[in-house]
Amino acid sequence: MEDAEELRKILEKIERKIVAVGKIYSAINFAYWLMVMSVFYVILAFFRPSSTISAVYWVVAMIAGVAVSGILFRRIMRIAKRSGEKRGSRTVAAFIFLSWVAGAILGFLVLPATLSAGFGAALLSFLSISLFGMWAVLSYSGGLELEMVPSFLITAIGAVVAFTSAEDLSVWAGFVIVTAFSVTMLLYLYSAFRIIGD
């Protein structure tokens, strides 16, 4: 009986560590995109790149982001499988991908054309729709990711402000994104440390 109780405690500790690692993984993803955006603003301020160079930068950043995220995710899955956890699936990944496609179509094409908005409003609406879709998929498939809520809620509020403004708020939109992602990162890291500390 004592051995069974000890085994249960060990398994609970392992499970908590896996959950904490997952939260750190999520924080790293938001940190990566903060870095990508910050570097872009630095380049934009000093070198004024053409729209072609800007597009190439973002495509390369997306490819690198997906690759790094994939490597980290596979490592987490290996750890989870060793401990008997069965998480993650191609179906979840497909629905997350679809949420980003829907966000791109609605955020960059439909809403700006309908409401005659600038790039700042389009970017914020793209992110808020995509991140909300991703959050909904993750929440439905595993558990409520409350830490992720500021990422789409703050950008959604920013999108509403940008759509109602007469001027293009592209630079302001960047600061809204930095705020949303920073808060999200801090919440993920705080949750991870709380789980490890328990």
N, C-alpha and C. Protein backbone atom coordinates (compact mmCIF):
# COMPACT_ATOMS: atom_id res chain seq x y z
N MET A 1 0.83 -1.20 0.00
CA MET A 1 0.00 0.00 0.00
C MET A 1 0.87 1.26 0.00
N GLU A 2 1.95 1.20 0.81
CA GLU A 2 2.86 2.34 0.88
C GLU A 2 3.55 2.58 -0.46
N ASP A 3 3.93 1.47 -1.13
CA ASP A 3 4.59 1.56 -2.44
C ASP A 3 3.67 2.20 -3.48
N ALA A 4 2.39 1.83 -3.45
CA ALA A 4 1.42 2.39 -4.39
C ALA A 4 1.25 3.89 -4.18
N GLU A 5 1.24 4.32 -2.94
CA GLU A 5 1.11 5.75 -2.62
C GLU A 5 2.34 6.52 -3.08
N GLU A 6 3.51 5.92 -2.87
CA GLU A 6 4.76 6.55 -3.29
C GLU A 6 4.81 6.67 -4.81
N LEU A 7 4.38 5.61 -5.50
CA LEU A 7 4.35 5.62 -6.97
C LEU A 7 3.39 6.70 -7.48
N ARG A 8 2.24 6.82 -6.84
CA ARG A 8 1.26 7.84 -7.23
C ARG A 8 1.85 9.25 -7.10
N LYS A 9 2.59 9.49 -6.00
CA LYS A 9 3.21 10.80 -5.78
C LYS A 9 4.26 11.09 -6.84
N ILE A 10 5.05 10.07 -7.19
CA ILE A 10 6.08 10.23 -8.22
C ILE A 10 5.44 10.57 -9.56
N LEU A 11 4.38 9.84 -9.91
CA LEU A 11 3.69 10.07 -11.18
C LEU A 11 3.05 11.46 -11.23
N GLU A 12 2.51 11.91 -10.11
CA GLU A 12 1.92 13.25 -10.05
C GLU A 12 2.99 14.32 -10.25
N LYS A 13 4.16 14.09 -9.65
CA LYS A 13 5.27 15.03 -9.78
C LYS A 13 5.74 15.11 -11.24
N ILE A 14 5.82 13.94 -11.90
CA ILE A 14 6.23 13.90 -13.31
C ILE A 14 5.20 14.62 -14.17
N GLU A 15 3.93 14.37 -13.90
CA GLU A 15 2.87 15.02 -14.67
C GLU A 15 2.92 16.54 -14.52
N ARG A 16 3.15 17.02 -13.30
CA ARG A 16 3.26 18.47 -13.07
C ARG A 16 4.43 19.05 -13.86
N LYS A 17 5.55 18.32 -13.89
CA LYS A 17 6.71 18.81 -14.63
C LYS A 17 6.42 18.88 -16.13
N ILE A 18 5.68 17.90 -16.65
CA ILE A 18 5.32 17.91 -18.07
C ILE A 18 4.43 19.11 -18.38
N VAL A 19 3.46 19.37 -17.52
CA VAL A 19 2.57 20.53 -17.70
C VAL A 19 3.39 21.82 -17.65
N ALA A 20 4.33 21.91 -16.71
CA ALA A 20 5.18 23.10 -16.58
C ALA A 20 6.03 23.30 -17.83
N VAL A 21 6.59 22.20 -18.35
CA VAL A 21 7.40 22.27 -19.58
C VAL A 21 6.54 22.77 -20.74
N GLY A 22 5.29 22.30 -20.82
CA GLY A 22 4.37 22.75 -21.86
C GLY A 22 4.11 24.25 -21.77
N LYS A 23 4.00 24.77 -20.57
CA LYS A 23 3.76 26.20 -20.38
C LYS A 23 5.00 27.02 -20.76
N ILE A 24 6.17 26.48 -20.42
CA ILE A 24 7.42 27.16 -20.81
C ILE A 24 7.56 27.15 -22.33
N TYR A 25 7.19 26.04 -22.96
CA TYR A 25 7.19 25.94 -24.43
C TYR A 25 6.31 27.03 -25.04
N SER A 26 5.12 27.22 -24.49
CA SER A 26 4.20 28.25 -24.99
C SER A 26 4.81 29.64 -24.83
N ALA A 27 5.44 29.89 -23.67
CA ALA A 27 6.09 31.19 -23.43
C ALA A 27 7.21 31.42 -24.44
N ILE A 28 7.98 30.37 -24.76
CA ILE A 28 9.08 30.49 -25.73
C ILE A 28 8.52 30.88 -27.10
N ASN A 29 7.39 30.30 -27.49
CA ASN A 29 6.78 30.66 -28.78
C ASN A 29 6.42 32.13 -28.84
N PHE A 30 5.80 32.65 -27.77
CA PHE A 30 5.45 34.07 -27.75
C PHE A 30 6.71 34.94 -27.71
N ALA A 31 7.75 34.49 -26.99
CA ALA A 31 9.02 35.23 -26.94
C ALA A 31 9.67 35.30 -28.32
N TYR A 32 9.60 34.19 -29.06
CA TYR A 32 10.19 34.15 -30.41
C TYR A 32 9.54 35.23 -31.29
N TRP A 33 8.20 35.30 -31.28
CA TRP A 33 7.51 36.26 -32.14
C TRP A 33 7.73 37.70 -31.67
N LEU A 34 7.91 37.90 -30.38
CA LEU A 34 8.27 39.24 -29.89
C LEU A 34 9.63 39.65 -30.44
N MET A 35 10.59 38.71 -30.41
CA MET A 35 11.92 38.98 -30.93
C MET A 35 11.87 39.29 -32.43
N VAL A 36 11.14 38.48 -33.18
CA VAL A 36 11.02 38.67 -34.63
C VAL A 36 10.45 40.05 -34.94
N MET A 37 9.40 40.43 -34.23
CA MET A 37 8.77 41.72 -34.46
C MET A 37 9.69 42.88 -34.06
N SER A 38 10.37 42.73 -32.94
CA SER A 38 11.29 43.78 -32.47
C SER A 38 12.43 43.99 -33.47
N VAL A 39 13.00 42.90 -33.96
CA VAL A 39 14.09 43.00 -34.95
C VAL A 39 13.57 43.70 -36.21
N PHE A 40 12.35 43.36 -36.62
CA PHE A 40 11.76 43.99 -37.81
C PHE A 40 11.63 45.49 -37.61
N TYR A 41 11.16 45.93 -36.44
CA TYR A 41 11.02 47.36 -36.18
C TYR A 41 12.38 48.06 -36.16
N VAL A 42 13.41 47.39 -35.66
CA VAL A 42 14.77 47.96 -35.67
C VAL A 42 15.25 48.12 -37.11
N ILE A 43 15.06 47.07 -37.91
CA ILE A 43 15.45 47.12 -39.33
C ILE A 43 14.66 48.22 -40.05
N LEU A 44 13.36 48.27 -39.79
CA LEU A 44 12.47 49.24 -40.43
C LEU A 44 12.90 50.67 -40.14
N ALA A 45 13.29 50.93 -38.90
CA ALA A 45 13.67 52.28 -38.49
C ALA A 45 14.94 52.77 -39.18
N PHE A 46 15.91 51.87 -39.37
CA PHE A 46 17.21 52.31 -39.89
C PHE A 46 17.40 52.07 -41.38
N PHE A 47 16.83 51.00 -41.91
CA PHE A 47 17.14 50.62 -43.29
C PHE A 47 15.99 50.81 -44.27
N ARG A 48 14.79 51.06 -43.79
CA ARG A 48 13.62 51.24 -44.64
C ARG A 48 13.57 50.20 -45.77
N PRO A 49 13.43 48.92 -45.42
CA PRO A 49 13.43 47.87 -46.45
C PRO A 49 12.21 47.97 -47.36
N SER A 50 12.37 47.50 -48.58
CA SER A 50 11.25 47.49 -49.53
C SER A 50 10.20 46.48 -49.06
N SER A 51 9.03 46.53 -49.65
CA SER A 51 7.98 45.58 -49.27
C SER A 51 8.37 44.15 -49.62
N THR A 52 9.18 43.97 -50.67
CA THR A 52 9.65 42.62 -51.04
C THR A 52 10.58 42.07 -49.96
N ILE A 53 11.53 42.88 -49.51
CA ILE A 53 12.46 42.45 -48.46
C ILE A 53 11.69 42.19 -47.16
N SER A 54 10.72 43.04 -46.85
CA SER A 54 9.90 42.83 -45.66
C SER A 54 9.15 41.50 -45.74
N ALA A 55 8.58 41.21 -46.91
CA ALA A 55 7.85 39.95 -47.10
C ALA A 55 8.78 38.75 -46.94
N VAL A 56 9.99 38.85 -47.51
CA VAL A 56 10.97 37.76 -47.38
C VAL A 56 11.34 37.56 -45.91
N TYR A 57 11.55 38.66 -45.19
CA TYR A 57 11.88 38.59 -43.76
C TYR A 57 10.81 37.81 -43.00
N TRP A 58 9.53 38.15 -43.22
CA TRP A 58 8.44 37.50 -42.49
C TRP A 58 8.26 36.05 -42.90
N VAL A 59 8.48 35.73 -44.17
CA VAL A 59 8.39 34.33 -44.61
C VAL A 59 9.49 33.50 -43.95
N VAL A 60 10.72 34.02 -43.96
CA VAL A 60 11.84 33.32 -43.31
C VAL A 60 11.57 33.17 -41.81
N ALA A 61 11.07 34.23 -41.18
CA ALA A 61 10.76 34.18 -39.74
C ALA A 61 9.69 33.12 -39.45
N MET A 62 8.68 33.03 -40.33
CA MET A 62 7.62 32.02 -40.13
C MET A 62 8.16 30.61 -40.28
N ILE A 63 8.98 30.40 -41.31
CA ILE A 63 9.56 29.06 -41.52
C ILE A 63 10.43 28.67 -40.34
N ALA A 64 11.29 29.61 -39.90
CA ALA A 64 12.16 29.34 -38.74
C ALA A 64 11.32 29.10 -37.49
N GLY A 65 10.27 29.90 -37.30
CA GLY A 65 9.41 29.76 -36.12
C GLY A 65 8.72 28.41 -36.07
N VAL A 66 8.19 27.98 -37.22
CA VAL A 66 7.53 26.67 -37.29
C VAL A 66 8.54 25.55 -37.03
N ALA A 67 9.75 25.69 -37.60
CA ALA A 67 10.79 24.66 -37.41
C ALA A 67 11.20 24.56 -35.94
N VAL A 68 11.51 25.69 -35.32
CA VAL A 68 11.93 25.70 -33.91
C VAL A 68 10.80 25.20 -33.01
N SER A 69 9.59 25.68 -33.28
CA SER A 69 8.43 25.26 -32.50
C SER A 69 8.21 23.75 -32.63
N GLY A 70 8.38 23.24 -33.84
CA GLY A 70 8.23 21.80 -34.08
C GLY A 70 9.25 20.97 -33.32
N ILE A 71 10.50 21.43 -33.31
CA ILE A 71 11.57 20.72 -32.59
C ILE A 71 11.25 20.68 -31.09
N LEU A 72 10.88 21.83 -30.54
CA LEU A 72 10.54 21.89 -29.10
C LEU A 72 9.33 21.02 -28.78
N PHE A 73 8.31 21.07 -29.65
CA PHE A 73 7.08 20.30 -29.41
C PHE A 73 7.37 18.80 -29.44
N ARG A 74 8.21 18.36 -30.39
CA ARG A 74 8.56 16.92 -30.47
C ARG A 74 9.30 16.48 -29.22
N ARG A 75 10.15 17.34 -28.68
CA ARG A 75 10.87 17.00 -27.43
C ARG A 75 9.89 16.84 -26.27
N ILE A 76 8.93 17.75 -26.19
CA ILE A 76 7.92 17.66 -25.13
C ILE A 76 7.12 16.37 -25.28
N MET A 77 6.76 16.03 -26.52
CA MET A 77 5.99 14.81 -26.76
C MET A 77 6.78 13.56 -26.37
N ARG A 78 8.11 13.59 -26.63
CA ARG A 78 8.95 12.45 -26.23
C ARG A 78 8.96 12.28 -24.72
N ILE A 79 9.09 13.41 -24.01
CA ILE A 79 9.06 13.37 -22.54
C ILE A 79 7.70 12.85 -22.06
N ALA A 80 6.63 13.35 -22.67
CA ALA A 80 5.28 12.94 -22.28
C ALA A 80 5.06 11.45 -22.53
N LYS A 81 5.53 10.96 -23.68
CA LYS A 81 5.33 9.53 -24.00
C LYS A 81 6.08 8.63 -23.04
N ARG A 82 7.29 9.05 -22.65
CA ARG A 82 8.07 8.25 -21.70
C ARG A 82 7.36 8.09 -20.37
N SER A 83 6.56 9.10 -20.02
CA SER A 83 5.86 9.02 -18.73
C SER A 83 4.44 8.46 -18.89
N GLY A 84 4.11 8.02 -20.10
CA GLY A 84 2.80 7.40 -20.31
C GLY A 84 1.71 8.36 -20.75
N GLU A 85 2.04 9.65 -20.92
CA GLU A 85 1.04 10.63 -21.36
C GLU A 85 0.77 10.44 -22.85
N LYS A 86 -0.46 10.67 -23.25
CA LYS A 86 -0.82 10.61 -24.67
C LYS A 86 -1.41 11.96 -25.05
N ARG A 87 -0.53 12.87 -25.47
CA ARG A 87 -0.99 14.21 -25.82
C ARG A 87 -0.60 14.53 -27.25
N GLY A 88 -1.28 15.52 -27.78
CA GLY A 88 -0.95 16.01 -29.11
C GLY A 88 -1.45 15.09 -30.21
N SER A 89 -1.87 15.67 -31.28
CA SER A 89 -2.31 14.87 -32.42
C SER A 89 -2.23 15.71 -33.67
N ARG A 90 -2.22 15.01 -34.79
CA ARG A 90 -2.19 15.71 -36.08
C ARG A 90 -3.49 16.47 -36.31
N THR A 91 -4.58 15.96 -35.77
CA THR A 91 -5.88 16.63 -35.92
C THR A 91 -5.86 17.99 -35.24
N VAL A 92 -5.31 18.04 -34.02
CA VAL A 92 -5.20 19.31 -33.30
C VAL A 92 -4.33 20.28 -34.09
N ALA A 93 -3.19 19.80 -34.59
CA ALA A 93 -2.28 20.63 -35.39
C ALA A 93 -2.99 21.16 -36.64
N ALA A 94 -3.78 20.31 -37.28
CA ALA A 94 -4.51 20.72 -38.49
C ALA A 94 -5.52 21.81 -38.18
N PHE A 95 -6.24 21.67 -37.07
CA PHE A 95 -7.23 22.69 -36.69
C PHE A 95 -6.55 24.00 -36.30
N ILE A 96 -5.39 23.91 -35.65
CA ILE A 96 -4.63 25.13 -35.32
C ILE A 96 -4.20 25.83 -36.60
N PHE A 97 -3.70 25.05 -37.57
CA PHE A 97 -3.30 25.61 -38.87
C PHE A 97 -4.49 26.30 -39.53
N LEU A 98 -5.66 25.64 -39.50
CA LEU A 98 -6.87 26.21 -40.10
C LEU A 98 -7.29 27.52 -39.42
N SER A 99 -7.06 27.60 -38.09
CA SER A 99 -7.41 28.84 -37.39
C SER A 99 -6.54 30.00 -37.89
N TRP A 100 -5.27 29.72 -38.21
CA TRP A 100 -4.38 30.76 -38.73
C TRP A 100 -4.74 31.14 -40.16
N VAL A 101 -5.16 30.15 -40.95
CA VAL A 101 -5.61 30.44 -42.32
C VAL A 101 -6.86 31.32 -42.27
N ALA A 102 -7.82 30.94 -41.41
CA ALA A 102 -9.05 31.74 -41.26
C ALA A 102 -8.72 33.15 -40.78
N GLY A 103 -7.78 33.25 -39.83
CA GLY A 103 -7.36 34.56 -39.33
C GLY A 103 -6.75 35.42 -40.43
N ALA A 104 -5.94 34.79 -41.29
CA ALA A 104 -5.31 35.53 -42.40
C ALA A 104 -6.36 36.03 -43.39
N ILE A 105 -7.31 35.16 -43.73
CA ILE A 105 -8.36 35.54 -44.70
C ILE A 105 -9.25 36.64 -44.13
N LEU A 106 -9.74 36.43 -42.91
CA LEU A 106 -10.62 37.43 -42.30
C LEU A 106 -9.87 38.71 -41.92
N GLY A 107 -8.70 38.53 -41.30
CA GLY A 107 -7.95 39.68 -40.78
C GLY A 107 -7.30 40.54 -41.84
N PHE A 108 -6.72 39.91 -42.87
CA PHE A 108 -6.00 40.67 -43.89
C PHE A 108 -6.83 41.00 -45.13
N LEU A 109 -7.89 40.22 -45.37
CA LEU A 109 -8.66 40.44 -46.60
C LEU A 109 -10.08 40.95 -46.35
N VAL A 110 -10.88 40.18 -45.63
CA VAL A 110 -12.31 40.50 -45.50
C VAL A 110 -12.56 41.76 -44.68
N LEU A 111 -12.09 41.80 -43.44
CA LEU A 111 -12.39 42.94 -42.56
C LEU A 111 -11.81 44.26 -43.07
N PRO A 112 -10.51 44.31 -43.45
CA PRO A 112 -9.98 45.60 -43.94
C PRO A 112 -10.70 46.11 -45.19
N ALA A 113 -11.06 45.19 -46.10
CA ALA A 113 -11.76 45.61 -47.32
C ALA A 113 -13.16 46.12 -46.99
N THR A 114 -13.83 45.43 -46.07
CA THR A 114 -15.19 45.81 -45.68
C THR A 114 -15.21 47.13 -44.92
N LEU A 115 -14.25 47.30 -44.02
CA LEU A 115 -14.25 48.47 -43.14
C LEU A 115 -13.25 49.56 -43.54
N SER A 116 -12.62 49.41 -44.71
CA SER A 116 -11.64 50.38 -45.22
C SER A 116 -10.60 50.74 -44.16
N ALA A 117 -9.91 49.73 -43.65
CA ALA A 117 -8.93 49.94 -42.58
C ALA A 117 -7.51 49.80 -43.09
N GLY A 118 -6.55 50.32 -42.30
CA GLY A 118 -5.15 50.24 -42.66
C GLY A 118 -4.50 48.96 -42.17
N PHE A 119 -3.17 48.88 -42.35
CA PHE A 119 -2.42 47.67 -42.02
C PHE A 119 -2.46 47.35 -40.53
N GLY A 120 -2.41 48.37 -39.67
CA GLY A 120 -2.43 48.14 -38.22
C GLY A 120 -3.68 47.40 -37.78
N ALA A 121 -4.83 47.83 -38.29
CA ALA A 121 -6.10 47.16 -37.96
C ALA A 121 -6.12 45.74 -38.51
N ALA A 122 -5.60 45.57 -39.73
CA ALA A 122 -5.57 44.24 -40.36
C ALA A 122 -4.70 43.28 -39.55
N LEU A 123 -3.52 43.75 -39.14
CA LEU A 123 -2.60 42.91 -38.37
C LEU A 123 -3.21 42.50 -37.04
N LEU A 124 -3.80 43.44 -36.34
CA LEU A 124 -4.41 43.14 -35.04
C LEU A 124 -5.60 42.19 -35.18
N SER A 125 -6.42 42.40 -36.22
CA SER A 125 -7.58 41.51 -36.40
C SER A 125 -7.11 40.11 -36.80
N PHE A 126 -6.07 40.02 -37.65
CA PHE A 126 -5.50 38.72 -38.03
C PHE A 126 -5.03 37.96 -36.79
N LEU A 127 -4.26 38.63 -35.94
CA LEU A 127 -3.74 37.96 -34.74
C LEU A 127 -4.84 37.59 -33.76
N SER A 128 -5.78 38.49 -33.53
CA SER A 128 -6.83 38.19 -32.55
C SER A 128 -7.70 37.02 -33.00
N ILE A 129 -8.05 36.97 -34.28
CA ILE A 129 -8.87 35.85 -34.81
C ILE A 129 -8.08 34.55 -34.76
N SER A 130 -6.83 34.59 -35.24
CA SER A 130 -6.00 33.37 -35.29
C SER A 130 -5.71 32.83 -33.90
N LEU A 131 -5.33 33.72 -32.99
CA LEU A 131 -5.01 33.28 -31.62
C LEU A 131 -6.25 32.79 -30.88
N PHE A 132 -7.40 33.43 -31.13
CA PHE A 132 -8.64 32.95 -30.52
C PHE A 132 -8.96 31.54 -31.03
N GLY A 133 -8.82 31.33 -32.33
CA GLY A 133 -9.06 30.01 -32.91
C GLY A 133 -8.13 28.96 -32.33
N MET A 134 -6.86 29.32 -32.20
CA MET A 134 -5.87 28.41 -31.62
C MET A 134 -6.21 28.09 -30.17
N TRP A 135 -6.57 29.11 -29.41
CA TRP A 135 -6.96 28.92 -28.01
C TRP A 135 -8.18 28.00 -27.90
N ALA A 136 -9.16 28.22 -28.77
CA ALA A 136 -10.38 27.39 -28.75
C ALA A 136 -10.06 25.93 -29.03
N VAL A 137 -9.19 25.68 -30.01
CA VAL A 137 -8.79 24.31 -30.36
C VAL A 137 -8.05 23.67 -29.19
N LEU A 138 -7.07 24.38 -28.63
CA LEU A 138 -6.30 23.84 -27.51
C LEU A 138 -7.18 23.60 -26.29
N SER A 139 -8.09 24.53 -26.02
CA SER A 139 -8.98 24.38 -24.87
C SER A 139 -9.92 23.19 -25.05
N TYR A 140 -10.42 23.00 -26.26
CA TYR A 140 -11.33 21.88 -26.54
C TYR A 140 -10.61 20.54 -26.46
N SER A 141 -9.35 20.52 -26.92
CA SER A 141 -8.63 19.24 -27.01
C SER A 141 -7.90 18.84 -25.73
N GLY A 142 -7.59 19.79 -24.87
CA GLY A 142 -6.79 19.42 -23.70
C GLY A 142 -7.22 20.04 -22.40
N GLY A 143 -7.23 21.30 -22.35
CA GLY A 143 -7.57 21.99 -21.11
C GLY A 143 -7.60 23.48 -21.36
N LEU A 144 -8.25 24.21 -20.51
CA LEU A 144 -8.42 25.64 -20.69
C LEU A 144 -7.08 26.35 -20.51
N GLU A 145 -6.57 26.96 -21.59
CA GLU A 145 -5.30 27.69 -21.56
C GLU A 145 -5.59 29.15 -21.20
N LEU A 146 -5.86 29.41 -19.93
CA LEU A 146 -6.22 30.77 -19.52
C LEU A 146 -5.09 31.77 -19.75
N GLU A 147 -3.85 31.29 -19.69
CA GLU A 147 -2.69 32.18 -19.87
C GLU A 147 -2.69 32.82 -21.26
N MET A 148 -3.31 32.16 -22.22
CA MET A 148 -3.30 32.61 -23.61
C MET A 148 -4.35 33.69 -23.91
N VAL A 149 -5.30 33.86 -23.02
CA VAL A 149 -6.42 34.79 -23.25
C VAL A 149 -5.96 36.22 -23.57
N PRO A 150 -4.97 36.79 -22.84
CA PRO A 150 -4.55 38.17 -23.17
C PRO A 150 -4.03 38.32 -24.60
N SER A 151 -3.45 37.25 -25.16
CA SER A 151 -2.89 37.35 -26.51
C SER A 151 -3.95 37.72 -27.54
N PHE A 152 -5.15 37.15 -27.41
CA PHE A 152 -6.19 37.51 -28.39
C PHE A 152 -7.13 38.59 -27.89
N LEU A 153 -7.30 38.71 -26.58
CA LEU A 153 -8.21 39.72 -26.04
C LEU A 153 -7.64 41.13 -26.22
N ILE A 154 -6.37 41.32 -25.88
CA ILE A 154 -5.74 42.64 -26.01
C ILE A 154 -5.64 43.04 -27.48
N THR A 155 -5.27 42.08 -28.36
CA THR A 155 -5.18 42.40 -29.79
C THR A 155 -6.57 42.69 -30.38
N ALA A 156 -7.61 42.01 -29.87
CA ALA A 156 -8.98 42.27 -30.35
C ALA A 156 -9.43 43.68 -29.97
N ILE A 157 -9.13 44.09 -28.73
CA ILE A 157 -9.47 45.45 -28.29
C ILE A 157 -8.70 46.47 -29.14
N GLY A 158 -7.41 46.16 -29.38
CA GLY A 158 -6.60 47.03 -30.24
C GLY A 158 -7.16 47.12 -31.65
N ALA A 159 -7.65 46.00 -32.18
CA ALA A 159 -8.23 45.98 -33.53
C ALA A 159 -9.46 46.88 -33.61
N VAL A 160 -10.31 46.82 -32.58
CA VAL A 160 -11.51 47.67 -32.55
C VAL A 160 -11.11 49.15 -32.57
N VAL A 161 -10.12 49.50 -31.76
CA VAL A 161 -9.63 50.89 -31.72
C VAL A 161 -9.07 51.29 -33.08
N ALA A 162 -8.26 50.40 -33.69
CA ALA A 162 -7.63 50.70 -34.98
C ALA A 162 -8.67 50.83 -36.09
N PHE A 163 -9.71 50.00 -36.06
CA PHE A 163 -10.76 50.09 -37.08
C PHE A 163 -11.57 51.38 -36.97
N THR A 164 -11.70 51.91 -35.76
CA THR A 164 -12.49 53.14 -35.57
C THR A 164 -11.65 54.41 -35.76
N SER A 165 -10.34 54.24 -35.94
CA SER A 165 -9.46 55.39 -36.12
C SER A 165 -9.41 55.80 -37.60
N ALA A 166 -9.29 57.09 -37.83
CA ALA A 166 -9.21 57.60 -39.20
C ALA A 166 -7.82 57.39 -39.80
N GLU A 167 -6.81 57.23 -38.95
CA GLU A 167 -5.44 57.06 -39.46
C GLU A 167 -4.96 55.62 -39.30
N ASP A 168 -3.90 55.28 -40.05
CA ASP A 168 -3.33 53.93 -39.95
C ASP A 168 -2.45 53.88 -38.70
N LEU A 169 -2.74 52.94 -37.82
CA LEU A 169 -2.02 52.84 -36.55
C LEU A 169 -1.06 51.66 -36.54
N SER A 170 -0.25 51.52 -37.59
CA SER A 170 0.64 50.36 -37.72
C SER A 170 1.66 50.27 -36.59
N VAL A 171 2.32 51.37 -36.27
CA VAL A 171 3.33 51.35 -35.20
C VAL A 171 2.66 51.10 -33.86
N TRP A 172 1.54 51.77 -33.61
CA TRP A 172 0.78 51.56 -32.38
C TRP A 172 0.35 50.10 -32.26
N ALA A 173 -0.06 49.50 -33.38
CA ALA A 173 -0.47 48.09 -33.40
C ALA A 173 0.68 47.20 -32.93
N GLY A 174 1.90 47.55 -33.32
CA GLY A 174 3.08 46.80 -32.87
C GLY A 174 3.21 46.82 -31.36
N PHE A 175 2.97 47.97 -30.76
CA PHE A 175 3.05 48.07 -29.29
C PHE A 175 1.91 47.32 -28.60
N VAL A 176 0.75 47.29 -29.24
CA VAL A 176 -0.37 46.50 -28.70
C VAL A 176 0.02 45.02 -28.68
N ILE A 177 0.64 44.57 -29.76
CA ILE A 177 1.06 43.16 -29.86
C ILE A 177 2.13 42.86 -28.81
N VAL A 178 3.09 43.76 -28.66
CA VAL A 178 4.13 43.57 -27.63
C VAL A 178 3.49 43.45 -26.25
N THR A 179 2.52 44.30 -25.96
CA THR A 179 1.82 44.24 -24.67
C THR A 179 1.11 42.90 -24.50
N ALA A 180 0.34 42.51 -25.51
CA ALA A 180 -0.43 41.26 -25.44
C ALA A 180 0.47 40.05 -25.26
N PHE A 181 1.54 39.98 -26.04
CA PHE A 181 2.44 38.83 -25.98
C PHE A 181 3.25 38.81 -24.69
N SER A 182 3.65 40.00 -24.21
CA SER A 182 4.42 40.07 -22.95
C SER A 182 3.58 39.58 -21.78
N VAL A 183 2.33 40.04 -21.71
CA VAL A 183 1.44 39.60 -20.62
C VAL A 183 1.23 38.09 -20.70
N THR A 184 1.02 37.58 -21.91
CA THR A 184 0.81 36.14 -22.11
C THR A 184 2.02 35.34 -21.67
N MET A 185 3.22 35.80 -22.08
CA MET A 185 4.46 35.12 -21.67
C MET A 185 4.61 35.09 -20.16
N LEU A 186 4.39 36.23 -19.52
CA LEU A 186 4.52 36.29 -18.06
C LEU A 186 3.55 35.35 -17.37
N LEU A 187 2.32 35.27 -17.86
CA LEU A 187 1.33 34.37 -17.27
C LEU A 187 1.74 32.91 -17.43
N TYR A 188 2.25 32.55 -18.61
CA TYR A 188 2.71 31.18 -18.83
C TYR A 188 3.88 30.83 -17.90
N LEU A 189 4.84 31.74 -17.79
CA LEU A 189 6.00 31.48 -16.93
C LEU A 189 5.59 31.43 -15.46
N TYR A 190 4.70 32.32 -15.05
CA TYR A 190 4.20 32.30 -13.68
C TYR A 190 3.51 30.97 -13.38
N SER A 191 2.68 30.51 -14.30
CA SER A 191 1.99 29.22 -14.13
C SER A 191 2.98 28.07 -14.02
N ALA A 192 4.01 28.11 -14.87
CA ALA A 192 5.02 27.04 -14.85
C ALA A 192 5.72 27.00 -13.50
N PHE A 193 6.12 28.17 -12.98
CA PHE A 193 6.81 28.20 -11.69
C PHE A 193 5.89 27.79 -10.54
N ARG A 194 4.62 28.17 -10.64
CA ARG A 194 3.66 27.74 -9.61
C ARG A 194 3.50 26.22 -9.59
N ILE A 195 3.43 25.62 -10.78
CA ILE A 195 3.28 24.17 -10.88
C ILE A 195 4.51 23.46 -10.34
N ILE A 196 5.69 23.95 -10.71
CA ILE A 196 6.94 23.34 -10.24
C ILE A 196 7.07 23.49 -8.73
N GLY A 197 6.64 24.66 -8.20
CA GLY A 197 6.76 24.94 -6.77
C GLY A 197 5.82 24.15 -5.89
N ASP A 198 4.72 23.65 -6.46
CA ASP A 198 3.75 22.89 -5.65
C ASP A 198 4.30 21.55 -5.19
